[in-house]
Structures are given as structure tokens and as C-alpha cells.
Amino acid sequence: MLNNFISAANNVDVVLFYFINLNLQNPFFNILMPIITNIGLYLFWFGVCAVLAIFGGEKGRNVALILLIGILIGHFISDYLKYVFVRPRPFMILTGVHQLANATDYSFPSGHATEVFIGCIIVGKKYGHLLLFILLAILIAFSRVYIGVHYPGDVLAGALLGVGISIFVLHFEDDILKLKNRLLHR
């Protein structure tokens, strides 16, 4: 029963992958998607943390700390899960993939989707415009399928992981900031 469900889910994932990766191809997206996909990199979010910490005052430093903790948790958990599930990337096993970027590790879950959802939810929650940030996260997650490096299920799992980690980190925000203040005022 479980094997049938996994097989059916995989088939749906492949069909959706081909629909997005091949049927939605156009010259504008071929330029845009490889650029915006980089917003999902943890290094991008480390840069956001640095900007907030340097130019954002006390609030910016606090948000940067919460964001940094969330991104680090997301990065390590998504990387760990890749080696648990060991799912090859679509371009490694499917034919005819329109590949606009390269990736070397495994596919499930998407680390980009995990980290961009963490970043967008935390920044959106702390500075407003949460819906716009979530739409940006969805676009970036979509770009991972469009450029041929993830299945839709990979980015969905990464998005759910990112949402969960965001909720977790924001739940403990007060405790984290109290600990920070105790350590700084010794």
C-alpha cells in the first residue's frame, strides 16, 4: 500500500516537473529564473543578516540573530535529509530536462526552498508585508523546478520544512533574545 502511494506520488511529481520545466519555458523566464533562484542561497540570507545587523539598529540586530539561527537550522536539516532520502536530481535521471543550472548533491528536500521560506517568513513577520514575502518565496521555489534542479515535491517539502523552522524559531524568539542580552551584559 505504502509503495503504491510512493510510486503514485513520484509519478505525479515527474508529470508536474515536466509541465513546469518544459511546457512553461520562455525566453523571459530563461533569463529571470536563474537570477532569482540565488535568493534562496543561505549565503544570500547571511548577507541579509549582515545588512540588518549593521544598518537596522537594535531591531535589525535582533531580527538578524533570529534569522541567522533559523537559516543555520534549515541549512543543516535540509542537507542532512538529502543524505537520508538520497533522491537524484531530475536532470540526473530524466531525459529532455531543460537545465539552466547545475547542482551536485541530492534533491530532496530543496535547501533553497527551506532557506527562502525561513528568510521570507521571519523578515516578513518582523517587518510587515508577510504575504508579499511568501509570494517571493513561492516564486523562488518555483524557479528551482523551472531551472531543472528540483522536483515540485522537493520544493514543497523544503517549503514546509522552512515554515516549520520559522514557526519554531519565532516561538523561541523571546528566550533567544533574553539569552543574547544576558551574554552581552555580563
C-alpha atoms as a PDB file:
ATOM      1  CA  MET A   1       0.000   0.000   0.000  1.00  0.00           C
ATOM      2  CA  LEU A   2       2.728   2.457   1.009  1.00  0.00           C
ATOM      3  CA  ASN A   3       4.810   1.514  -2.033  1.00  0.00           C
ATOM      4  CA  ASN A   4       1.809   2.194  -4.285  1.00  0.00           C
ATOM      5  CA  PHE A   5       1.336   5.621  -2.704  1.00  0.00           C
ATOM      6  CA  ILE A   6       5.036   6.482  -3.063  1.00  0.00           C
ATOM      7  CA  SER A   7       5.027   5.315  -6.680  1.00  0.00           C
ATOM      8  CA  ALA A   8       1.905   7.366  -7.492  1.00  0.00           C
ATOM      9  CA  ALA A   9       3.329  10.451  -5.750  1.00  0.00           C
ATOM     10  CA  ASN A  10       6.575  10.065  -7.685  1.00  0.00           C
ATOM     11  CA  ASN A  11       4.658   9.793 -10.967  1.00  0.00           C
ATOM     12  CA  VAL A  12       2.711  12.983 -10.182  1.00  0.00           C
ATOM     13  CA  ASP A  13       5.986  14.692  -9.256  1.00  0.00           C
ATOM     14  CA  VAL A  14       7.549  13.753 -12.605  1.00  0.00           C
ATOM     15  CA  VAL A  15       4.493  14.883 -14.587  1.00  0.00           C
ATOM     16  CA  LEU A  16       4.397  18.236 -12.750  1.00  0.00           C
ATOM     17  CA  PHE A  17       8.156  18.594 -13.172  1.00  0.00           C
ATOM     18  CA  TYR A  18       7.927  18.170 -16.947  1.00  0.00           C
ATOM     19  CA  PHE A  19       4.949  20.536 -17.142  1.00  0.00           C
ATOM     20  CA  ILE A  20       6.842  23.313 -15.346  1.00  0.00           C
ATOM     21  CA  ASN A  21      10.288  22.591 -16.748  1.00  0.00           C
ATOM     22  CA  LEU A  22       9.320  22.096 -20.389  1.00  0.00           C
ATOM     23  CA  ASN A  23       5.845  23.492 -21.076  1.00  0.00           C
ATOM     24  CA  LEU A  24       6.329  26.815 -19.292  1.00  0.00           C
ATOM     25  CA  GLN A  25       9.717  27.567 -20.881  1.00  0.00           C
ATOM     26  CA  ASN A  26      10.029  31.024 -22.413  1.00  0.00           C
ATOM     27  CA  PRO A  27      12.907  33.434 -23.124  1.00  0.00           C
ATOM     28  CA  PHE A  28      11.952  35.861 -20.324  1.00  0.00           C
ATOM     29  CA  PHE A  29      11.861  33.146 -17.636  1.00  0.00           C
ATOM     30  CA  ASN A  30      15.055  31.625 -19.042  1.00  0.00           C
ATOM     31  CA  ILE A  31      16.820  34.855 -18.046  1.00  0.00           C
ATOM     32  CA  LEU A  32      14.854  35.659 -14.867  1.00  0.00           C
ATOM     33  CA  MET A  33      14.676  32.282 -13.102  1.00  0.00           C
ATOM     34  CA  PRO A  34      18.438  31.558 -12.917  1.00  0.00           C
ATOM     35  CA  ILE A  35      18.896  35.015 -11.354  1.00  0.00           C
ATOM     36  CA  ILE A  36      16.132  34.909  -8.756  1.00  0.00           C
ATOM     37  CA  THR A  37      16.911  31.336  -7.733  1.00  0.00           C
ATOM     38  CA  ASN A  38      20.008  32.705  -5.970  1.00  0.00           C
ATOM     39  CA  ILE A  39      17.826  34.485  -3.389  1.00  0.00           C
ATOM     40  CA  GLY A  40      17.333  31.023  -1.922  1.00  0.00           C
ATOM     41  CA  LEU A  41      21.022  30.546  -1.159  1.00  0.00           C
ATOM     42  CA  TYR A  42      21.939  30.572   2.518  1.00  0.00           C
ATOM     43  CA  LEU A  43      24.822  32.911   1.601  1.00  0.00           C
ATOM     44  CA  PHE A  44      22.279  35.468   0.358  1.00  0.00           C
ATOM     45  CA  TRP A  45      20.494  35.261   3.716  1.00  0.00           C
ATOM     46  CA  PHE A  46      23.788  35.619   5.595  1.00  0.00           C
ATOM     47  CA  GLY A  47      24.177  38.879   3.656  1.00  0.00           C
ATOM     48  CA  VAL A  48      20.684  39.963   4.705  1.00  0.00           C
ATOM     49  CA  CYS A  49      21.649  39.213   8.319  1.00  0.00           C
ATOM     50  CA  ALA A  50      24.789  41.331   7.978  1.00  0.00           C
ATOM     51  CA  VAL A  51      22.864  44.278   6.486  1.00  0.00           C
ATOM     52  CA  LEU A  52      20.216  44.086   9.214  1.00  0.00           C
ATOM     53  CA  ALA A  53      22.844  43.835  11.953  1.00  0.00           C
ATOM     54  CA  ILE A  54      24.881  46.771  10.629  1.00  0.00           C
ATOM     55  CA  PHE A  55      22.141  49.162   9.494  1.00  0.00           C
ATOM     56  CA  GLY A  56      18.982  48.011  11.293  1.00  0.00           C
ATOM     57  CA  GLY A  57      19.580  49.281  14.803  1.00  0.00           C
ATOM     58  CA  GLU A  58      18.601  47.159  17.797  1.00  0.00           C
ATOM     59  CA  LYS A  59      15.597  45.662  15.993  1.00  0.00           C
ATOM     60  CA  GLY A  60      17.753  44.788  12.996  1.00  0.00           C
ATOM     61  CA  ARG A  61      20.343  43.068  15.173  1.00  0.00           C
ATOM     62  CA  ASN A  62      17.610  41.056  16.893  1.00  0.00           C
ATOM     63  CA  VAL A  63      15.982  40.060  13.612  1.00  0.00           C
ATOM     64  CA  ALA A  64      19.404  39.188  12.175  1.00  0.00           C
ATOM     65  CA  LEU A  65      20.089  36.867  15.105  1.00  0.00           C
ATOM     66  CA  ILE A  66      16.717  35.115  14.816  1.00  0.00           C
ATOM     67  CA  LEU A  67      17.109  34.879  11.049  1.00  0.00           C
ATOM     68  CA  LEU A  68      20.656  33.532  11.319  1.00  0.00           C
ATOM     69  CA  ILE A  69      19.574  30.833  13.765  1.00  0.00           C
ATOM     70  CA  GLY A  70      16.674  29.840  11.500  1.00  0.00           C
ATOM     71  CA  ILE A  71      18.811  29.740   8.347  1.00  0.00           C
ATOM     72  CA  LEU A  72      21.513  27.665  10.050  1.00  0.00           C
ATOM     73  CA  ILE A  73      18.959  25.183  11.386  1.00  0.00           C
ATOM     74  CA  GLY A  74      17.301  24.963   7.965  1.00  0.00           C
ATOM     75  CA  HIS A  75      20.576  24.569   6.121  1.00  0.00           C
ATOM     76  CA  PHE A  76      21.814  21.726   8.301  1.00  0.00           C
ATOM     77  CA  ILE A  77      18.498  19.877   8.495  1.00  0.00           C
ATOM     78  CA  SER A  78      17.842  20.069   4.735  1.00  0.00           C
ATOM     79  CA  ASP A  79      21.411  18.955   3.962  1.00  0.00           C
ATOM     80  CA  TYR A  80      21.089  16.072   6.423  1.00  0.00           C
ATOM     81  CA  LEU A  81      17.762  14.974   4.924  1.00  0.00           C
ATOM     82  CA  LYS A  82      19.251  14.935   1.420  1.00  0.00           C
ATOM     83  CA  TYR A  83      21.554  12.130   2.550  1.00  0.00           C
ATOM     84  CA  VAL A  84      18.721  10.298   4.287  1.00  0.00           C
ATOM     85  CA  PHE A  85      16.465  10.265   1.202  1.00  0.00           C
ATOM     86  CA  VAL A  86      19.231  10.188  -1.461  1.00  0.00           C
ATOM     87  CA  ARG A  87      16.934  11.324  -4.278  1.00  0.00           C
ATOM     88  CA  PRO A  88      18.804  12.098  -7.505  1.00  0.00           C
ATOM     89  CA  ARG A  89      18.125  15.420  -9.146  1.00  0.00           C
ATOM     90  CA  PRO A  90      15.748  15.379 -12.123  1.00  0.00           C
ATOM     91  CA  PHE A  91      18.421  16.167 -14.706  1.00  0.00           C
ATOM     92  CA  MET A  92      20.408  13.154 -13.488  1.00  0.00           C
ATOM     93  CA  ILE A  93      17.724  10.568 -14.272  1.00  0.00           C
ATOM     94  CA  LEU A  94      15.094  12.108 -16.566  1.00  0.00           C
ATOM     95  CA  THR A  95      15.519  12.752 -20.263  1.00  0.00           C
ATOM     96  CA  GLY A  96      14.875  16.041 -22.038  1.00  0.00           C
ATOM     97  CA  VAL A  97      15.254  18.237 -18.958  1.00  0.00           C
ATOM     98  CA  HIS A  98      15.674  21.931 -19.744  1.00  0.00           C
ATOM     99  CA  GLN A  99      18.536  22.527 -17.324  1.00  0.00           C
ATOM    100  CA  LEU A 100      19.538  26.130 -16.626  1.00  0.00           C
ATOM    101  CA  ALA A 101      21.726  25.494 -13.570  1.00  0.00           C
ATOM    102  CA  ASN A 102      23.783  22.745 -12.052  1.00  0.00           C
ATOM    103  CA  ALA A 103      23.736  21.147  -8.620  1.00  0.00           C
ATOM    104  CA  THR A 104      25.862  18.378  -7.222  1.00  0.00           C
ATOM    105  CA  ASP A 105      24.150  16.942  -4.159  1.00  0.00           C
ATOM    106  CA  TYR A 106      20.801  15.221  -3.769  1.00  0.00           C
ATOM    107  CA  SER A 107      17.400  16.686  -4.473  1.00  0.00           C
ATOM    108  CA  PHE A 108      15.035  16.082  -1.537  1.00  0.00           C
ATOM    109  CA  PRO A 109      14.230  18.391   0.198  1.00  0.00           C
ATOM    110  CA  SER A 110      15.149  21.628  -1.534  1.00  0.00           C
ATOM    111  CA  GLY A 111      17.579  23.583   0.628  1.00  0.00           C
ATOM    112  CA  HIS A 112      16.837  26.731  -1.367  1.00  0.00           C
ATOM    113  CA  ALA A 113      13.113  26.405  -0.652  1.00  0.00           C
ATOM    114  CA  THR A 114      13.776  25.669   3.022  1.00  0.00           C
ATOM    115  CA  GLU A 115      16.016  28.688   3.472  1.00  0.00           C
ATOM    116  CA  VAL A 116      13.976  31.127   1.403  1.00  0.00           C
ATOM    117  CA  PHE A 117      10.800  30.282   3.307  1.00  0.00           C
ATOM    118  CA  ILE A 118      12.630  30.729   6.601  1.00  0.00           C
ATOM    119  CA  GLY A 119      14.065  34.055   5.458  1.00  0.00           C
ATOM    120  CA  CYS A 120      10.890  35.408   3.918  1.00  0.00           C
ATOM    121  CA  ILE A 121       8.651  34.388   6.805  1.00  0.00           C
ATOM    122  CA  ILE A 122      10.927  35.787   9.503  1.00  0.00           C
ATOM    123  CA  VAL A 123      11.654  39.053   7.670  1.00  0.00           C
ATOM    124  CA  GLY A 124       8.026  39.370   6.548  1.00  0.00           C
ATOM    125  CA  LYS A 125       6.752  38.738  10.060  1.00  0.00           C
ATOM    126  CA  LYS A 126       9.149  41.208  11.687  1.00  0.00           C
ATOM    127  CA  TYR A 127       8.956  43.996   9.081  1.00  0.00           C
ATOM    128  CA  GLY A 128       5.497  43.529   7.596  1.00  0.00           C
ATOM    129  CA  HIS A 129       4.285  42.541   4.136  1.00  0.00           C
ATOM    130  CA  LEU A 130       4.324  38.839   5.041  1.00  0.00           C
ATOM    131  CA  LEU A 131       2.104  37.924   2.078  1.00  0.00           C
ATOM    132  CA  LEU A 132       4.479  39.591  -0.402  1.00  0.00           C
ATOM    133  CA  PHE A 133       7.444  37.784   1.138  1.00  0.00           C
ATOM    134  CA  ILE A 134       5.608  34.456   0.949  1.00  0.00           C
ATOM    135  CA  LEU A 135       4.803  35.099  -2.719  1.00  0.00           C
ATOM    136  CA  LEU A 136       8.505  35.810  -3.308  1.00  0.00           C
ATOM    137  CA  ALA A 137       9.395  32.545  -1.563  1.00  0.00           C
ATOM    138  CA  ILE A 138       6.924  30.650  -3.765  1.00  0.00           C
ATOM    139  CA  LEU A 139       8.423  32.232  -6.892  1.00  0.00           C
ATOM    140  CA  ILE A 140      11.941  31.285  -5.838  1.00  0.00           C
ATOM    141  CA  ALA A 141      10.855  27.724  -5.005  1.00  0.00           C
ATOM    142  CA  PHE A 142       9.144  27.536  -8.425  1.00  0.00           C
ATOM    143  CA  SER A 143      12.402  28.678 -10.048  1.00  0.00           C
ATOM    144  CA  ARG A 144      14.160  25.567  -8.716  1.00  0.00           C
ATOM    145  CA  VAL A 145      11.808  23.358 -10.753  1.00  0.00           C
ATOM    146  CA  TYR A 146      11.882  25.665 -13.761  1.00  0.00           C
ATOM    147  CA  ILE A 147      15.687  25.569 -13.987  1.00  0.00           C
ATOM    148  CA  GLY A 148      15.659  21.771 -13.765  1.00  0.00           C
ATOM    149  CA  VAL A 149      17.325  21.047 -10.421  1.00  0.00           C
ATOM    150  CA  HIS A 150      14.317  20.008  -8.271  1.00  0.00           C
ATOM    151  CA  TYR A 151      11.025  18.200  -8.489  1.00  0.00           C
ATOM    152  CA  PRO A 152       7.903  20.017  -7.247  1.00  0.00           C
ATOM    153  CA  GLY A 153       7.783  17.635  -4.276  1.00  0.00           C
ATOM    154  CA  ASP A 154      11.308  18.674  -3.300  1.00  0.00           C
ATOM    155  CA  VAL A 155      10.382  22.341  -3.113  1.00  0.00           C
ATOM    156  CA  LEU A 156       7.077  21.597  -1.385  1.00  0.00           C
ATOM    157  CA  ALA A 157       8.924  19.599   1.289  1.00  0.00           C
ATOM    158  CA  GLY A 158      11.531  22.368   1.586  1.00  0.00           C
ATOM    159  CA  ALA A 159       8.798  24.987   1.912  1.00  0.00           C
ATOM    160  CA  LEU A 160       7.020  23.021   4.649  1.00  0.00           C
ATOM    161  CA  LEU A 161      10.320  22.475   6.453  1.00  0.00           C
ATOM    162  CA  GLY A 162      11.084  26.199   6.188  1.00  0.00           C
ATOM    163  CA  VAL A 163       7.658  27.159   7.524  1.00  0.00           C
ATOM    164  CA  GLY A 164       8.053  24.742  10.425  1.00  0.00           C
ATOM    165  CA  ILE A 165      11.520  26.010  11.323  1.00  0.00           C
ATOM    166  CA  SER A 166      10.308  29.626  11.103  1.00  0.00           C
ATOM    167  CA  ILE A 167       7.452  28.917  13.489  1.00  0.00           C
ATOM    168  CA  PHE A 168       9.834  27.109  15.842  1.00  0.00           C
ATOM    169  CA  VAL A 169      12.439  29.889  15.886  1.00  0.00           C
ATOM    170  CA  LEU A 170       9.841  32.651  16.224  1.00  0.00           C
ATOM    171  CA  HIS A 171       8.218  30.727  19.084  1.00  0.00           C
ATOM    172  CA  PHE A 172      11.517  30.844  20.986  1.00  0.00           C
ATOM    173  CA  GLU A 173      12.425  34.398  19.926  1.00  0.00           C
ATOM    174  CA  ASP A 174      11.963  35.921  23.387  1.00  0.00           C
ATOM    175  CA  ASP A 175      14.102  33.228  25.002  1.00  0.00           C
ATOM    176  CA  ILE A 176      16.830  33.663  22.377  1.00  0.00           C
ATOM    177  CA  LEU A 177      16.891  37.435  22.838  1.00  0.00           C
ATOM    178  CA  LYS A 178      16.943  37.116  26.651  1.00  0.00           C
ATOM    179  CA  LEU A 179      19.916  34.771  26.373  1.00  0.00           C
ATOM    180  CA  LYS A 180      21.632  37.181  23.987  1.00  0.00           C
ATOM    181  CA  ASN A 181      21.124  40.073  26.410  1.00  0.00           C
ATOM    182  CA  ARG A 182      22.422  38.022  29.368  1.00  0.00           C
ATOM    183  CA  LEU A 183      25.544  37.072  27.415  1.00  0.00           C
ATOM    184  CA  LEU A 184      26.186  40.640  26.264  1.00  0.00           C
ATOM    185  CA  HIS A 185      25.637  42.251  29.664  1.00  0.00           C
ATOM    186  CA  ARG A 186      27.868  40.073  31.799  1.00  0.00           C
END
